N, C-alpha and C. Protein backbone atom coordinates (compact mmCIF):
# COMPACT_ATOMS: atom_id res chain seq x y z
N MET A 1 0.83 -1.19 0.00
CA MET A 1 0.00 0.00 0.00
C MET A 1 0.87 1.25 0.00
N ASN A 2 0.25 2.31 -0.34
CA ASN A 2 0.91 3.61 -0.38
C ASN A 2 1.24 4.08 1.04
N PRO A 3 2.50 4.44 1.31
CA PRO A 3 2.89 4.88 2.66
C PRO A 3 2.14 6.14 3.12
N LYS A 4 1.84 7.02 2.19
CA LYS A 4 1.09 8.23 2.56
C LYS A 4 -0.31 7.86 3.05
N TYR A 5 -0.93 6.92 2.35
CA TYR A 5 -2.27 6.45 2.73
C TYR A 5 -2.25 5.82 4.11
N GLN A 6 -1.24 4.98 4.36
CA GLN A 6 -1.11 4.33 5.67
C GLN A 6 -0.90 5.36 6.77
N LYS A 7 -0.11 6.39 6.49
CA LYS A 7 0.13 7.44 7.48
C LYS A 7 -1.16 8.18 7.80
N VAL A 8 -1.93 8.50 6.77
CA VAL A 8 -3.20 9.19 6.98
C VAL A 8 -4.15 8.33 7.81
N CYS A 9 -4.21 7.04 7.50
CA CYS A 9 -5.08 6.13 8.26
C CYS A 9 -4.62 6.05 9.72
N ALA A 10 -3.32 5.99 9.95
CA ALA A 10 -2.78 5.95 11.31
C ALA A 10 -3.09 7.24 12.05
N ASP A 11 -2.98 8.38 11.38
CA ASP A 11 -3.29 9.68 12.00
C ASP A 11 -4.77 9.77 12.37
N ILE A 12 -5.62 9.27 11.48
CA ILE A 12 -7.06 9.26 11.75
C ILE A 12 -7.36 8.44 13.01
N ALA A 13 -6.79 7.25 13.09
CA ALA A 13 -7.01 6.38 14.24
C ALA A 13 -6.50 7.05 15.53
N LYS A 14 -5.35 7.68 15.44
CA LYS A 14 -4.77 8.36 16.60
C LYS A 14 -5.67 9.50 17.08
N LEU A 15 -6.15 10.31 16.15
CA LEU A 15 -7.01 11.43 16.52
C LEU A 15 -8.37 10.97 17.04
N GLU A 16 -8.89 9.89 16.47
CA GLU A 16 -10.17 9.36 16.97
C GLU A 16 -10.02 8.88 18.41
N SER A 17 -8.88 8.26 18.72
CA SER A 17 -8.62 7.82 20.08
C SER A 17 -8.52 9.00 21.04
N LYS A 18 -7.80 10.04 20.62
CA LYS A 18 -7.68 11.25 21.44
C LYS A 18 -9.04 11.90 21.64
N SER A 19 -9.84 11.92 20.58
CA SER A 19 -11.17 12.52 20.65
C SER A 19 -12.04 11.79 21.67
N ALA A 20 -11.98 10.48 21.68
CA ALA A 20 -12.77 9.70 22.65
C ALA A 20 -12.31 9.99 24.08
N ASP A 21 -11.00 10.12 24.28
CA ASP A 21 -10.48 10.45 25.60
C ASP A 21 -10.94 11.83 26.05
N ILE A 22 -10.91 12.77 25.14
CA ILE A 22 -11.33 14.14 25.47
C ILE A 22 -12.82 14.18 25.79
N GLU A 23 -13.62 13.45 25.03
CA GLU A 23 -15.07 13.38 25.29
C GLU A 23 -15.33 12.80 26.68
N LYS A 24 -14.57 11.79 27.06
CA LYS A 24 -14.72 11.19 28.39
C LYS A 24 -14.36 12.20 29.47
N GLN A 25 -13.25 12.90 29.30
CA GLN A 25 -12.83 13.92 30.27
C GLN A 25 -13.87 15.03 30.36
N LEU A 26 -14.42 15.44 29.23
CA LEU A 26 -15.43 16.48 29.21
C LEU A 26 -16.67 16.04 29.99
N GLY A 27 -17.09 14.80 29.80
CA GLY A 27 -18.24 14.28 30.54
C GLY A 27 -17.99 14.26 32.04
N GLU A 28 -16.79 13.85 32.44
CA GLU A 28 -16.44 13.83 33.86
C GLU A 28 -16.43 15.23 34.45
N LEU A 29 -15.90 16.19 33.70
CA LEU A 29 -15.87 17.58 34.18
C LEU A 29 -17.27 18.16 34.30
N ARG A 30 -18.14 17.82 33.37
CA ARG A 30 -19.53 18.30 33.45
C ARG A 30 -20.23 17.72 34.68
N GLU A 31 -19.99 16.45 34.96
CA GLU A 31 -20.57 15.82 36.16
C GLU A 31 -20.06 16.49 37.43
N LYS A 32 -18.76 16.78 37.47
CA LYS A 32 -18.18 17.43 38.63
C LYS A 32 -18.74 18.84 38.80
N LYS A 33 -18.93 19.55 37.69
CA LYS A 33 -19.51 20.89 37.74
C LYS A 33 -20.91 20.84 38.35
N THR A 34 -21.73 19.90 37.90
CA THR A 34 -23.08 19.75 38.42
C THR A 34 -23.05 19.42 39.91
N GLU A 35 -22.15 18.53 40.30
CA GLU A 35 -22.01 18.16 41.70
C GLU A 35 -21.64 19.37 42.56
N LEU A 36 -20.71 20.19 42.09
CA LEU A 36 -20.30 21.38 42.83
C LEU A 36 -21.41 22.42 42.90
N GLU A 37 -22.18 22.57 41.82
CA GLU A 37 -23.32 23.48 41.83
C GLU A 37 -24.35 23.02 42.85
N ASN A 38 -24.63 21.72 42.87
CA ASN A 38 -25.60 21.19 43.82
C ASN A 38 -25.13 21.38 45.26
N LEU A 39 -23.85 21.17 45.50
CA LEU A 39 -23.29 21.37 46.84
C LEU A 39 -23.43 22.82 47.27
N GLU A 40 -23.20 23.74 46.35
CA GLU A 40 -23.34 25.16 46.67
C GLU A 40 -24.78 25.51 47.01
N ILE A 41 -25.72 24.94 46.27
CA ILE A 41 -27.14 25.16 46.54
C ILE A 41 -27.50 24.64 47.93
N ILE A 42 -27.05 23.45 48.25
CA ILE A 42 -27.33 22.84 49.55
C ILE A 42 -26.76 23.70 50.67
N ASN A 43 -25.53 24.15 50.52
CA ASN A 43 -24.92 24.99 51.55
C ASN A 43 -25.64 26.32 51.71
N THR A 44 -26.12 26.88 50.61
CA THR A 44 -26.87 28.13 50.68
C THR A 44 -28.18 27.93 51.41
N VAL A 45 -28.88 26.85 51.11
CA VAL A 45 -30.16 26.57 51.78
C VAL A 45 -29.94 26.34 53.27
N ARG A 46 -28.91 25.61 53.62
CA ARG A 46 -28.61 25.36 55.04
C ARG A 46 -28.27 26.66 55.76
N ALA A 47 -27.62 27.58 55.08
CA ALA A 47 -27.25 28.85 55.70
C ALA A 47 -28.46 29.75 55.94
N MET A 48 -29.57 29.45 55.31
CA MET A 48 -30.77 30.28 55.46
C MET A 48 -31.43 30.07 56.82
N VAL A 49 -31.13 29.02 57.51
CA VAL A 49 -31.65 28.71 58.85
C VAL A 49 -33.18 28.80 58.86
N MET A 50 -33.80 27.99 58.03
CA MET A 50 -35.26 27.90 57.98
C MET A 50 -35.66 26.46 58.21
N ASP A 51 -36.89 26.26 58.70
CA ASP A 51 -37.38 24.90 58.79
C ASP A 51 -37.92 24.48 57.43
N LYS A 52 -38.32 23.22 57.33
CA LYS A 52 -38.73 22.67 56.03
C LYS A 52 -39.89 23.45 55.41
N GLU A 53 -40.90 23.79 56.21
CA GLU A 53 -42.05 24.50 55.68
C GLU A 53 -41.67 25.88 55.15
N GLN A 54 -40.77 26.56 55.86
CA GLN A 54 -40.34 27.89 55.43
C GLN A 54 -39.56 27.80 54.11
N ILE A 55 -38.71 26.79 54.01
CA ILE A 55 -37.94 26.61 52.78
C ILE A 55 -38.87 26.31 51.60
N MET A 56 -39.83 25.43 51.83
CA MET A 56 -40.76 25.09 50.75
C MET A 56 -41.59 26.32 50.34
N ALA A 57 -42.01 27.14 51.31
CA ALA A 57 -42.76 28.35 50.99
C ALA A 57 -41.88 29.33 50.21
N PHE A 58 -40.65 29.46 50.63
CA PHE A 58 -39.70 30.35 49.94
C PHE A 58 -39.51 29.89 48.50
N LEU A 59 -39.29 28.60 48.29
CA LEU A 59 -39.10 28.08 46.94
C LEU A 59 -40.36 28.25 46.09
N SER A 60 -41.53 28.07 46.71
CA SER A 60 -42.79 28.28 45.97
C SER A 60 -42.92 29.73 45.53
N ASN A 61 -42.55 30.65 46.42
CA ASN A 61 -42.60 32.07 46.05
C ASN A 61 -41.64 32.37 44.91
N MET A 62 -40.47 31.78 44.95
CA MET A 62 -39.47 32.01 43.90
C MET A 62 -39.98 31.47 42.56
N LYS A 63 -40.70 30.36 42.62
CA LYS A 63 -41.21 29.72 41.42
C LYS A 63 -42.48 30.42 40.91
N GLY A 64 -43.11 31.19 41.77
CA GLY A 64 -44.32 31.90 41.37
C GLY A 64 -45.59 31.17 41.80
N GLY A 65 -45.44 30.15 42.64
CA GLY A 65 -46.59 29.41 43.13
C GLY A 65 -47.22 30.10 44.31
N SER A 66 -48.27 29.49 44.84
CA SER A 66 -48.91 30.05 46.02
C SER A 66 -48.71 29.09 47.18
N PRO A 67 -47.79 29.38 48.07
CA PRO A 67 -47.51 28.50 49.19
C PRO A 67 -48.60 28.57 50.24
N SER A 68 -48.72 27.52 51.04
CA SER A 68 -49.71 27.51 52.10
C SER A 68 -49.22 28.28 53.31
N LYS A 69 -47.92 28.41 53.46
CA LYS A 69 -47.33 29.12 54.59
C LYS A 69 -46.25 30.05 54.09
N GLN A 70 -46.28 31.28 54.55
CA GLN A 70 -45.25 32.24 54.20
C GLN A 70 -44.14 32.20 55.24
N PRO A 71 -42.86 32.27 54.84
CA PRO A 71 -41.80 32.34 55.83
C PRO A 71 -41.89 33.64 56.59
N LYS A 72 -41.71 33.57 57.89
CA LYS A 72 -41.81 34.76 58.72
C LYS A 72 -40.42 35.25 59.07
N ALA A 73 -40.21 36.53 58.89
CA ALA A 73 -38.90 37.11 59.19
C ALA A 73 -38.60 37.00 60.68
N GLU A 74 -39.64 37.08 61.51
CA GLU A 74 -39.44 36.98 62.96
C GLU A 74 -38.84 35.63 63.32
N ASN A 75 -39.38 34.55 62.76
CA ASN A 75 -38.87 33.22 63.04
C ASN A 75 -37.44 33.06 62.57
N MET A 76 -37.13 33.65 61.43
CA MET A 76 -35.78 33.54 60.91
C MET A 76 -34.80 34.22 61.84
N GLU A 77 -35.17 35.38 62.38
CA GLU A 77 -34.29 36.09 63.29
C GLU A 77 -34.09 35.30 64.56
N VAL A 78 -35.14 34.69 65.08
CA VAL A 78 -35.05 33.91 66.30
C VAL A 78 -34.13 32.72 66.07
N ASN A 79 -34.30 32.04 64.94
CA ASN A 79 -33.47 30.88 64.64
C ASN A 79 -32.01 31.25 64.47
N GLU A 80 -31.76 32.40 63.91
CA GLU A 80 -30.37 32.82 63.69
C GLU A 80 -29.67 33.11 65.01
N ASN A 81 -30.42 33.56 66.00
CA ASN A 81 -29.82 33.89 67.29
C ASN A 81 -29.57 32.67 68.17
N GLU A 82 -30.19 31.57 67.84
CA GLU A 82 -30.03 30.34 68.66
C GLU A 82 -28.71 29.71 68.45
């Protein structure tokens, strides 16, 4: 066979292998990004010092829903001082 043809075929195989490795690394980085975003959200919610009902009401307000209970600023202040 033609040596130039063989070289091109070898280069194609090499680049396809590199491409697969890069795609795998990209997928892993995207998963890690999502994990870090979720961790940040969890830490932010925990820092709000609200009980479950207050958090759910807050999230409903953010989403535009109508919650059954509104978070009370008084309760938040009391919880923060504890």
